[in-house]
Amino acid sequence: MRRGNASLARGAAWAELGLDLELLGEFSDVGPLGRYLGEELAGRWSGSIAVAGPLRAPVGRFTGHGEELVVRGVPLARVDVDLETDGERVRFKRCEISGPELEAVLRGGVRFDPLELEDVVFNLAADEGALANLLPFPCEHAFLHARLSGAPDAPSGTFEASASGLTVGGLRIDDSEARGELVAGGLAVRELHLSSGETTLEAAGTIQRRGAEFAA
């Protein structure tokens, strides 16, 4: 720690907690931290935080770098994070993950008040080993590209996805592709292509969200 100070006026809300922090940290083994947080973690991590201002609108920067990490059973060779906040929003200057069977990149920003995504772009490519820890069904390869804005619990935007070597409900799907949009209350699938052996299927439609469930 280089410097650290937090202050709160009597009777003030926690959102008004004043911060003046400049921290450096390095963990040669994040396993003990993971056990404290109740998460499965392994690997090395180093990073820094320099932030000032009220908790509700901090100004500063956070950087982090991880190597040979394992997060919930998924091995990650390298993780790089660089975030900046101006008090109104946080910007993902760099947020990249690479591993033996997973690559992910996140760009964009998040506004604090009201909390909403601002042109967040997410790319993910993963192979069978990593997907075994992420999906409830077997899948050999998957790719996702999404560009989102709006409230985190009801974002809007576009997406493209593909997957190969899926087995869902006992059905083998050799290849699948989908393109569409996230809209208020659901998912508008503009193009859906599925192939299984010599059988192909093309479809389009809207999937409505009802609470935590989706219905066509």
C-alpha atoms as a PDB file:
ATOM      1  CA  MET A   1       0.000   0.000   0.000  1.00  0.00           C
ATOM      2  CA  ARG A   2       1.334   3.418  -0.940  1.00  0.00           C
ATOM      3  CA  ARG A   3      -1.457   5.425   0.662  1.00  0.00           C
ATOM      4  CA  GLY A   4      -4.944   4.762   1.858  1.00  0.00           C
ATOM      5  CA  ASN A   5      -7.691   6.840   3.405  1.00  0.00           C
ATOM      6  CA  ALA A   6     -11.461   6.524   3.649  1.00  0.00           C
ATOM      7  CA  SER A   7     -13.730   8.969   5.463  1.00  0.00           C
ATOM      8  CA  LEU A   8     -17.457   9.250   6.075  1.00  0.00           C
ATOM      9  CA  ALA A   9     -19.200  12.267   7.596  1.00  0.00           C
ATOM     10  CA  ARG A  10     -21.475  11.598  10.553  1.00  0.00           C
ATOM     11  CA  GLY A  11     -24.924  10.598   9.354  1.00  0.00           C
ATOM     12  CA  ALA A  12     -23.904  10.378   5.698  1.00  0.00           C
ATOM     13  CA  ALA A  13     -24.903   7.476   3.452  1.00  0.00           C
ATOM     14  CA  TRP A  14     -22.282   4.861   2.527  1.00  0.00           C
ATOM     15  CA  ALA A  15     -22.414   6.109  -1.060  1.00  0.00           C
ATOM     16  CA  GLU A  16     -20.756   9.301   0.220  1.00  0.00           C
ATOM     17  CA  LEU A  17     -17.775   7.424   1.648  1.00  0.00           C
ATOM     18  CA  GLY A  18     -14.736   9.469   0.617  1.00  0.00           C
ATOM     19  CA  LEU A  19     -11.845   7.520  -0.907  1.00  0.00           C
ATOM     20  CA  ASP A  20      -8.204   8.404  -1.410  1.00  0.00           C
ATOM     21  CA  LEU A  21      -6.417   5.155  -2.194  1.00  0.00           C
ATOM     22  CA  GLU A  22      -3.281   4.104  -4.011  1.00  0.00           C
ATOM     23  CA  LEU A  23      -2.662   0.390  -3.618  1.00  0.00           C
ATOM     24  CA  LEU A  24      -0.290  -2.145  -5.120  1.00  0.00           C
ATOM     25  CA  GLY A  25      -0.764  -5.853  -4.658  1.00  0.00           C
ATOM     26  CA  GLU A  26       0.782  -9.126  -5.737  1.00  0.00           C
ATOM     27  CA  PHE A  27      -0.335 -12.672  -5.008  1.00  0.00           C
ATOM     28  CA  SER A  28       2.020 -15.504  -5.898  1.00  0.00           C
ATOM     29  CA  ASP A  29      -0.861 -17.893  -5.154  1.00  0.00           C
ATOM     30  CA  VAL A  30      -4.494 -16.736  -5.181  1.00  0.00           C
ATOM     31  CA  GLY A  31      -5.689 -20.064  -3.767  1.00  0.00           C
ATOM     32  CA  PRO A  32      -6.030 -18.819  -0.153  1.00  0.00           C
ATOM     33  CA  LEU A  33      -7.928 -15.740  -1.397  1.00  0.00           C
ATOM     34  CA  GLY A  34     -10.263 -18.003  -3.326  1.00  0.00           C
ATOM     35  CA  ARG A  35     -10.969 -20.111  -0.254  1.00  0.00           C
ATOM     36  CA  TYR A  36     -11.742 -16.947   1.729  1.00  0.00           C
ATOM     37  CA  LEU A  37     -14.191 -15.841  -0.993  1.00  0.00           C
ATOM     38  CA  GLY A  38     -15.654 -19.322  -1.358  1.00  0.00           C
ATOM     39  CA  GLU A  39     -14.414 -19.627  -4.958  1.00  0.00           C
ATOM     40  CA  GLU A  40     -12.161 -22.133  -6.720  1.00  0.00           C
ATOM     41  CA  LEU A  41      -9.063 -20.097  -7.648  1.00  0.00           C
ATOM     42  CA  ALA A  42      -5.423 -20.829  -8.449  1.00  0.00           C
ATOM     43  CA  GLY A  43      -2.545 -18.957 -10.080  1.00  0.00           C
ATOM     44  CA  ARG A  44      -0.712 -15.631  -9.784  1.00  0.00           C
ATOM     45  CA  TRP A  45      -2.119 -12.083  -9.771  1.00  0.00           C
ATOM     46  CA  SER A  46      -0.682  -8.571  -9.514  1.00  0.00           C
ATOM     47  CA  GLY A  47      -2.427  -5.232  -9.794  1.00  0.00           C
ATOM     48  CA  SER A  48      -2.862  -1.638  -8.689  1.00  0.00           C
ATOM     49  CA  ILE A  49      -5.682   0.683  -7.670  1.00  0.00           C
ATOM     50  CA  ALA A  50      -5.517   4.485  -7.643  1.00  0.00           C
ATOM     51  CA  VAL A  51      -8.891   6.048  -6.831  1.00  0.00           C
ATOM     52  CA  ALA A  52     -10.223   9.230  -5.212  1.00  0.00           C
ATOM     53  CA  GLY A  53     -13.635  10.759  -4.604  1.00  0.00           C
ATOM     54  CA  PRO A  54     -16.937   9.498  -3.177  1.00  0.00           C
ATOM     55  CA  LEU A  55     -17.818   5.802  -3.430  1.00  0.00           C
ATOM     56  CA  ARG A  56     -20.828   6.642  -5.627  1.00  0.00           C
ATOM     57  CA  ALA A  57     -18.619   8.430  -8.211  1.00  0.00           C
ATOM     58  CA  PRO A  58     -14.953   7.415  -7.893  1.00  0.00           C
ATOM     59  CA  VAL A  59     -12.237   8.766 -10.169  1.00  0.00           C
ATOM     60  CA  GLY A  60      -9.172   6.654 -10.895  1.00  0.00           C
ATOM     61  CA  ARG A  61      -7.742   3.543 -12.471  1.00  0.00           C
ATOM     62  CA  PHE A  62      -7.511  -0.179 -11.800  1.00  0.00           C
ATOM     63  CA  THR A  63      -5.023  -2.482 -13.513  1.00  0.00           C
ATOM     64  CA  GLY A  64      -4.490  -6.196 -13.074  1.00  0.00           C
ATOM     65  CA  HIS A  65      -2.476  -9.016 -14.586  1.00  0.00           C
ATOM     66  CA  GLY A  66      -2.886 -12.731 -13.946  1.00  0.00           C
ATOM     67  CA  GLU A  67      -0.919 -15.771 -15.079  1.00  0.00           C
ATOM     68  CA  GLU A  68      -1.605 -19.514 -14.972  1.00  0.00           C
ATOM     69  CA  LEU A  69      -4.979 -18.903 -13.358  1.00  0.00           C
ATOM     70  CA  VAL A  70      -7.705 -21.462 -12.770  1.00  0.00           C
ATOM     71  CA  VAL A  71     -11.179 -20.007 -12.173  1.00  0.00           C
ATOM     72  CA  ARG A  72     -13.989 -22.472 -11.402  1.00  0.00           C
ATOM     73  CA  GLY A  73     -12.091 -25.217 -13.161  1.00  0.00           C
ATOM     74  CA  VAL A  74     -11.298 -23.188 -16.297  1.00  0.00           C
ATOM     75  CA  PRO A  75      -7.538 -22.723 -16.919  1.00  0.00           C
ATOM     76  CA  LEU A  76      -6.543 -19.230 -18.055  1.00  0.00           C
ATOM     77  CA  ALA A  77      -2.982 -18.673 -19.206  1.00  0.00           C
ATOM     78  CA  ARG A  78      -3.229 -14.879 -19.031  1.00  0.00           C
ATOM     79  CA  VAL A  79      -5.657 -12.174 -17.874  1.00  0.00           C
ATOM     80  CA  ASP A  80      -5.126  -8.439 -18.424  1.00  0.00           C
ATOM     81  CA  VAL A  81      -7.426  -5.738 -17.047  1.00  0.00           C
ATOM     82  CA  ASP A  82      -7.178  -1.949 -17.347  1.00  0.00           C
ATOM     83  CA  LEU A  83     -10.178   0.115 -16.188  1.00  0.00           C
ATOM     84  CA  GLU A  84     -10.573   3.880 -15.844  1.00  0.00           C
ATOM     85  CA  THR A  85     -13.373   5.823 -14.188  1.00  0.00           C
ATOM     86  CA  ASP A  86     -14.125   9.552 -14.407  1.00  0.00           C
ATOM     87  CA  GLY A  87     -16.775   9.606 -11.706  1.00  0.00           C
ATOM     88  CA  GLU A  88     -19.662   9.106 -14.150  1.00  0.00           C
ATOM     89  CA  ARG A  89     -18.678   5.882 -15.905  1.00  0.00           C
ATOM     90  CA  VAL A  90     -16.041   3.171 -15.987  1.00  0.00           C
ATOM     91  CA  ARG A  91     -14.292   2.382 -19.258  1.00  0.00           C
ATOM     92  CA  PHE A  92     -12.797  -0.992 -20.131  1.00  0.00           C
ATOM     93  CA  LYS A  93      -9.563   0.147 -21.772  1.00  0.00           C
ATOM     94  CA  ARG A  94      -8.360  -3.436 -21.788  1.00  0.00           C
ATOM     95  CA  CYS A  95     -10.032  -6.592 -20.592  1.00  0.00           C
ATOM     96  CA  GLU A  96      -8.625  -9.719 -22.209  1.00  0.00           C
ATOM     97  CA  ILE A  97      -8.543 -13.377 -21.236  1.00  0.00           C
ATOM     98  CA  SER A  98      -6.552 -16.105 -22.960  1.00  0.00           C
ATOM     99  CA  GLY A  99      -6.198 -19.749 -22.101  1.00  0.00           C
ATOM    100  CA  PRO A 100      -5.502 -23.114 -23.679  1.00  0.00           C
ATOM    101  CA  GLU A 101      -9.093 -23.350 -24.903  1.00  0.00           C
ATOM    102  CA  LEU A 102     -10.627 -19.912 -24.340  1.00  0.00           C
ATOM    103  CA  GLU A 103     -10.188 -16.378 -25.678  1.00  0.00           C
ATOM    104  CA  ALA A 104     -12.334 -13.451 -24.522  1.00  0.00           C
ATOM    105  CA  VAL A 105     -12.221  -9.681 -25.040  1.00  0.00           C
ATOM    106  CA  LEU A 106     -14.423  -6.999 -23.445  1.00  0.00           C
ATOM    107  CA  ARG A 107     -14.614  -3.347 -24.519  1.00  0.00           C
ATOM    108  CA  GLY A 108     -16.923  -0.435 -23.757  1.00  0.00           C
ATOM    109  CA  GLY A 109     -18.159   1.203 -20.595  1.00  0.00           C
ATOM    110  CA  VAL A 110     -20.694   1.231 -17.781  1.00  0.00           C
ATOM    111  CA  ARG A 111     -22.446   4.366 -16.491  1.00  0.00           C
ATOM    112  CA  PHE A 112     -22.911   4.566 -12.711  1.00  0.00           C
ATOM    113  CA  ASP A 113     -26.203   6.481 -12.347  1.00  0.00           C
ATOM    114  CA  PRO A 114     -28.407   5.164 -13.743  1.00  0.00           C
ATOM    115  CA  LEU A 115     -26.499   1.891 -14.003  1.00  0.00           C
ATOM    116  CA  GLU A 116     -26.330   0.986 -17.695  1.00  0.00           C
ATOM    117  CA  LEU A 117     -24.061  -0.513 -20.326  1.00  0.00           C
ATOM    118  CA  GLU A 118     -22.605   1.861 -22.919  1.00  0.00           C
ATOM    119  CA  ASP A 119     -21.677   0.192 -26.219  1.00  0.00           C
ATOM    120  CA  VAL A 120     -20.186  -2.871 -24.518  1.00  0.00           C
ATOM    121  CA  VAL A 121     -18.620  -5.288 -27.008  1.00  0.00           C
ATOM    122  CA  PHE A 122     -17.936  -8.867 -25.945  1.00  0.00           C
ATOM    123  CA  ASN A 123     -16.158 -11.553 -27.978  1.00  0.00           C
ATOM    124  CA  LEU A 124     -15.723 -15.141 -26.804  1.00  0.00           C
ATOM    125  CA  ALA A 125     -14.223 -18.192 -28.506  1.00  0.00           C
ATOM    126  CA  ALA A 126     -13.952 -21.447 -26.575  1.00  0.00           C
ATOM    127  CA  ASP A 127     -13.235 -25.120 -27.170  1.00  0.00           C
ATOM    128  CA  GLU A 128     -14.459 -28.325 -25.552  1.00  0.00           C
ATOM    129  CA  GLY A 129     -12.335 -28.304 -22.389  1.00  0.00           C
ATOM    130  CA  ALA A 130     -13.370 -24.804 -21.311  1.00  0.00           C
ATOM    131  CA  LEU A 131     -16.974 -25.257 -22.440  1.00  0.00           C
ATOM    132  CA  ALA A 132     -17.345 -28.322 -20.216  1.00  0.00           C
ATOM    133  CA  ASN A 133     -17.177 -25.914 -17.252  1.00  0.00           C
ATOM    134  CA  LEU A 134     -19.430 -23.281 -18.845  1.00  0.00           C
ATOM    135  CA  LEU A 135     -22.284 -25.197 -20.516  1.00  0.00           C
ATOM    136  CA  PRO A 136     -24.692 -27.864 -19.230  1.00  0.00           C
ATOM    137  CA  PHE A 137     -24.273 -29.931 -22.425  1.00  0.00           C
ATOM    138  CA  PRO A 138     -21.290 -31.161 -24.500  1.00  0.00           C
ATOM    139  CA  CYS A 139     -19.987 -28.746 -27.141  1.00  0.00           C
ATOM    140  CA  GLU A 140     -16.771 -28.921 -29.149  1.00  0.00           C
ATOM    141  CA  HIS A 141     -16.468 -25.251 -30.123  1.00  0.00           C
ATOM    142  CA  ALA A 142     -18.433 -22.032 -29.621  1.00  0.00           C
ATOM    143  CA  PHE A 143     -18.114 -18.404 -30.656  1.00  0.00           C
ATOM    144  CA  LEU A 144     -20.088 -15.347 -29.481  1.00  0.00           C
ATOM    145  CA  HIS A 145     -19.986 -11.694 -30.505  1.00  0.00           C
ATOM    146  CA  ALA A 146     -22.346  -9.233 -28.811  1.00  0.00           C
ATOM    147  CA  ARG A 147     -22.682  -5.435 -28.740  1.00  0.00           C
ATOM    148  CA  LEU A 148     -24.922  -4.257 -25.899  1.00  0.00           C
ATOM    149  CA  SER A 149     -26.268  -1.072 -24.322  1.00  0.00           C
ATOM    150  CA  GLY A 150     -28.863  -0.271 -21.676  1.00  0.00           C
ATOM    151  CA  ALA A 151     -29.743  -1.634 -18.251  1.00  0.00           C
ATOM    152  CA  PRO A 152     -27.705  -4.752 -17.303  1.00  0.00           C
ATOM    153  CA  ASP A 153     -30.869  -6.740 -16.515  1.00  0.00           C
ATOM    154  CA  ALA A 154     -32.563  -5.761 -19.813  1.00  0.00           C
ATOM    155  CA  PRO A 155     -29.909  -4.822 -22.376  1.00  0.00           C
ATOM    156  CA  SER A 156     -30.493  -4.174 -26.058  1.00  0.00           C
ATOM    157  CA  GLY A 157     -28.122  -4.806 -28.943  1.00  0.00           C
ATOM    158  CA  THR A 158     -27.007  -7.331 -31.525  1.00  0.00           C
ATOM    159  CA  PHE A 159     -25.398 -10.755 -31.347  1.00  0.00           C
ATOM    160  CA  GLU A 160     -23.834 -13.431 -33.523  1.00  0.00           C
ATOM    161  CA  ALA A 161     -23.180 -16.946 -32.258  1.00  0.00           C
ATOM    162  CA  SER A 162     -21.995 -20.247 -33.639  1.00  0.00           C
ATOM    163  CA  ALA A 163     -21.342 -23.672 -32.169  1.00  0.00           C
ATOM    164  CA  SER A 164     -20.248 -27.076 -33.439  1.00  0.00           C
ATOM    165  CA  GLY A 165     -20.347 -30.578 -32.050  1.00  0.00           C
ATOM    166  CA  LEU A 166     -23.279 -30.044 -29.673  1.00  0.00           C
ATOM    167  CA  THR A 167     -25.281 -32.802 -28.044  1.00  0.00           C
ATOM    168  CA  VAL A 168     -28.559 -31.508 -26.604  1.00  0.00           C
ATOM    169  CA  GLY A 169     -31.222 -33.858 -25.277  1.00  0.00           C
ATOM    170  CA  GLY A 170     -29.539 -36.776 -27.009  1.00  0.00           C
ATOM    171  CA  LEU A 171     -29.565 -34.965 -30.383  1.00  0.00           C
ATOM    172  CA  ARG A 172     -26.238 -34.378 -32.134  1.00  0.00           C
ATOM    173  CA  ILE A 173     -25.965 -30.978 -33.850  1.00  0.00           C
ATOM    174  CA  ASP A 174     -22.927 -30.761 -36.095  1.00  0.00           C
ATOM    175  CA  ASP A 175     -23.069 -27.009 -36.754  1.00  0.00           C
ATOM    176  CA  SER A 176     -25.251 -24.095 -35.699  1.00  0.00           C
ATOM    177  CA  GLU A 177     -25.291 -20.363 -36.384  1.00  0.00           C
ATOM    178  CA  ALA A 178     -27.548 -17.602 -35.092  1.00  0.00           C
ATOM    179  CA  ARG A 179     -27.826 -13.841 -35.604  1.00  0.00           C
ATOM    180  CA  GLY A 180     -30.243 -11.443 -34.032  1.00  0.00           C
ATOM    181  CA  GLU A 181     -31.001  -8.707 -31.557  1.00  0.00           C
ATOM    182  CA  LEU A 182     -31.743  -8.362 -27.891  1.00  0.00           C
ATOM    183  CA  VAL A 183     -34.912  -6.319 -27.605  1.00  0.00           C
ATOM    184  CA  ALA A 184     -37.150  -5.253 -24.745  1.00  0.00           C
ATOM    185  CA  GLY A 185     -38.451  -8.371 -23.068  1.00  0.00           C
ATOM    186  CA  GLY A 186     -36.889 -10.899 -25.380  1.00  0.00           C
ATOM    187  CA  LEU A 187     -34.629 -12.105 -28.144  1.00  0.00           C
ATOM    188  CA  ALA A 188     -35.302 -11.542 -31.854  1.00  0.00           C
ATOM    189  CA  VAL A 189     -33.555 -14.303 -33.830  1.00  0.00           C
ATOM    190  CA  ARG A 190     -33.184 -13.034 -37.412  1.00  0.00           C
ATOM    191  CA  GLU A 191     -31.345 -16.095 -38.725  1.00  0.00           C
ATOM    192  CA  LEU A 192     -30.929 -19.586 -37.281  1.00  0.00           C
ATOM    193  CA  HIS A 193     -29.171 -22.390 -39.146  1.00  0.00           C
ATOM    194  CA  LEU A 194     -28.772 -25.923 -37.765  1.00  0.00           C
ATOM    195  CA  SER A 195     -27.289 -29.023 -39.389  1.00  0.00           C
ATOM    196  CA  SER A 196     -27.210 -32.605 -38.149  1.00  0.00           C
ATOM    197  CA  GLY A 197     -25.891 -35.206 -40.551  1.00  0.00           C
ATOM    198  CA  GLU A 198     -27.799 -34.697 -43.805  1.00  0.00           C
ATOM    199  CA  THR A 199     -30.585 -32.748 -42.092  1.00  0.00           C
ATOM    200  CA  THR A 200     -30.641 -28.945 -42.070  1.00  0.00           C
ATOM    201  CA  LEU A 201     -32.993 -26.461 -40.446  1.00  0.00           C
ATOM    202  CA  GLU A 202     -33.435 -22.742 -41.004  1.00  0.00           C
ATOM    203  CA  ALA A 203     -35.663 -20.618 -38.810  1.00  0.00           C
ATOM    204  CA  ALA A 204     -36.337 -17.156 -37.386  1.00  0.00           C
ATOM    205  CA  GLY A 205     -38.526 -15.849 -34.612  1.00  0.00           C
ATOM    206  CA  THR A 206     -38.817 -14.107 -31.276  1.00  0.00           C
ATOM    207  CA  ILE A 207     -38.186 -15.546 -27.831  1.00  0.00           C
ATOM    208  CA  GLN A 208     -39.995 -13.692 -25.066  1.00  0.00           C
ATOM    209  CA  ARG A 209     -38.625 -13.383 -21.555  1.00  0.00           C
ATOM    210  CA  ARG A 210     -41.025 -14.201 -18.729  1.00  0.00           C
ATOM    211  CA  GLY A 211     -39.297 -13.643 -15.437  1.00  0.00           C
ATOM    212  CA  ALA A 212     -36.262 -15.914 -15.335  1.00  0.00           C
ATOM    213  CA  GLU A 213     -37.565 -18.083 -18.205  1.00  0.00           C
ATOM    214  CA  PHE A 214     -37.801 -17.701 -21.977  1.00  0.00           C
ATOM    215  CA  ALA A 215     -40.652 -18.816 -24.234  1.00  0.00           C
ATOM    216  CA  ALA A 216     -40.953 -18.863 -28.037  1.00  0.00           C
END
